[in-house]
Amino acid sequence: MNVDGLDALLTQLRALADQAQGQTAARGATAAPADFADTLKTLVNGVNDRQGSANALQQQFSTGDKSVSLSQVMVASQKADLSFQTMLQVRNKLVSAYQDIMNIQA
């Protein structure tokens, strides 16, 4: 089993986590909060991009492209699935919050 790809993925995830923490700290109390609609749009576009990349890798692998390994296809598919599941949970929380607000007004 080739663990070099997994090590690279873990390194990327750690770098992204560090970057996100830096952006949160840099934002502080002086900057305006990010627009919710833009944040949600970015989330949906990211999910769409990951699914498109995973589908493209699956197509390349299924046509016999030797530059694409099965592990690359599986990791891309899992990333796409995880990002979709995250988006689905965000949607569920938004719907729940909307229902709670509507119940308060009733």
Protein backbone atom coordinates (compact mmCIF):
# COMPACT_ATOMS: atom_id res chain seq x y z
CA MET A 1 0.00 0.00 0.00
CA ASN A 2 1.34 3.41 -0.97
CA VAL A 3 1.17 5.75 2.02
CA ASP A 4 2.94 8.67 0.33
CA GLY A 5 -0.35 9.96 -1.03
CA LEU A 6 -2.00 9.66 2.37
CA ASP A 7 0.89 11.49 4.03
CA ALA A 8 0.59 14.27 1.46
CA LEU A 9 -3.16 14.47 2.07
CA LEU A 10 -2.64 14.65 5.83
CA THR A 11 -0.09 17.42 5.36
CA GLN A 12 -2.53 19.35 3.16
CA LEU A 13 -5.31 18.96 5.73
CA ARG A 14 -3.06 20.22 8.51
CA ALA A 15 -2.00 23.20 6.38
CA LEU A 16 -5.64 24.03 5.63
CA ALA A 17 -6.54 23.78 9.32
CA ASP A 18 -3.65 26.09 10.22
CA GLN A 19 -4.71 28.50 7.48
CA ALA A 20 -8.32 28.50 8.70
CA GLN A 21 -7.20 29.20 12.25
CA GLY A 22 -5.02 32.04 11.01
CA GLN A 23 -7.88 33.58 9.06
CA THR A 24 -10.17 33.33 12.08
CA ALA A 25 -7.59 35.00 14.29
CA ALA A 26 -6.79 37.65 11.67
CA ARG A 27 -10.47 38.48 11.18
CA GLY A 28 -10.83 39.45 14.84
CA ALA A 29 -13.49 41.88 16.00
CA THR A 30 -12.57 44.76 13.70
CA ALA A 31 -13.43 43.19 10.35
CA ALA A 32 -16.95 42.77 9.03
CA PRO A 33 -18.28 39.21 9.15
CA ALA A 34 -18.36 37.24 5.92
CA ASP A 35 -21.60 37.36 4.00
CA PHE A 36 -23.57 34.19 4.75
CA ALA A 37 -24.83 33.81 1.19
CA ASP A 38 -21.28 34.03 -0.18
CA THR A 39 -20.06 31.50 2.36
CA LEU A 40 -22.85 29.09 1.47
CA LYS A 41 -22.25 29.58 -2.26
CA THR A 42 -18.54 28.86 -1.76
CA LEU A 43 -19.42 25.68 0.13
CA VAL A 44 -21.75 24.45 -2.61
CA ASN A 45 -19.25 25.31 -5.35
CA GLY A 46 -16.50 23.47 -3.46
CA VAL A 47 -18.67 20.37 -3.19
CA ASN A 48 -19.49 20.58 -6.88
CA ASP A 49 -15.81 20.94 -7.79
CA ARG A 50 -14.82 17.94 -5.68
CA GLN A 51 -17.55 15.80 -7.22
CA GLY A 52 -16.52 16.89 -10.72
CA SER A 53 -12.87 16.06 -10.00
CA ALA A 54 -13.80 12.66 -8.58
CA ASN A 55 -15.96 11.89 -11.63
CA ALA A 56 -13.18 12.94 -13.98
CA LEU A 57 -10.69 10.68 -12.19
CA GLN A 58 -13.16 7.80 -12.28
CA GLN A 59 -13.61 8.28 -16.03
CA GLN A 60 -9.86 8.39 -16.60
CA PHE A 61 -9.32 5.27 -14.53
CA SER A 62 -12.14 3.36 -16.20
CA THR A 63 -10.80 4.16 -19.66
CA GLY A 64 -7.43 2.68 -18.71
CA ASP A 65 -5.39 5.85 -18.13
CA LYS A 66 -2.18 4.59 -16.51
CA SER A 67 -1.47 7.98 -14.87
CA VAL A 68 -4.45 7.55 -12.52
CA SER A 69 -4.23 4.99 -9.74
CA LEU A 70 -7.09 3.33 -7.92
CA SER A 71 -6.02 4.99 -4.66
CA GLN A 72 -6.29 8.43 -6.28
CA VAL A 73 -9.80 7.61 -7.46
CA MET A 74 -10.84 6.30 -4.06
CA VAL A 75 -9.41 9.27 -2.14
CA ALA A 76 -11.08 11.74 -4.52
CA SER A 77 -14.37 9.86 -4.19
CA GLN A 78 -14.16 9.89 -0.41
CA LYS A 79 -13.35 13.61 -0.38
CA ALA A 80 -16.36 14.28 -2.57
CA ASP A 81 -18.59 12.13 -0.39
CA LEU A 82 -17.36 13.74 2.82
CA SER A 83 -17.85 17.25 1.49
CA PHE A 84 -21.35 16.34 0.29
CA GLN A 85 -22.24 14.86 3.68
CA THR A 86 -20.96 18.02 5.37
CA MET A 87 -23.06 20.19 3.08
CA LEU A 88 -26.07 17.98 3.77
CA GLN A 89 -25.63 18.41 7.53
CA VAL A 90 -25.34 22.18 7.12
CA ARG A 91 -28.55 22.15 5.11
CA ASN A 92 -30.28 20.09 7.78
CA LYS A 93 -29.18 22.54 10.48
CA LEU A 94 -30.41 25.48 8.41
CA VAL A 95 -33.81 23.86 7.88
CA SER A 96 -34.04 23.07 11.58
CA ALA A 97 -33.14 26.64 12.53
CA TYR A 98 -35.71 27.99 10.05
CA GLN A 99 -38.40 25.73 11.52
CA ASP A 100 -37.50 26.85 15.05
CA ILE A 101 -37.77 30.50 14.02
CA MET A 102 -41.12 29.89 12.35
CA ASN A 103 -42.40 28.13 15.50
CA ILE A 104 -41.36 31.12 17.63
CA GLN A 105 -43.34 33.49 15.41
CA ALA A 106 -46.47 31.34 15.49
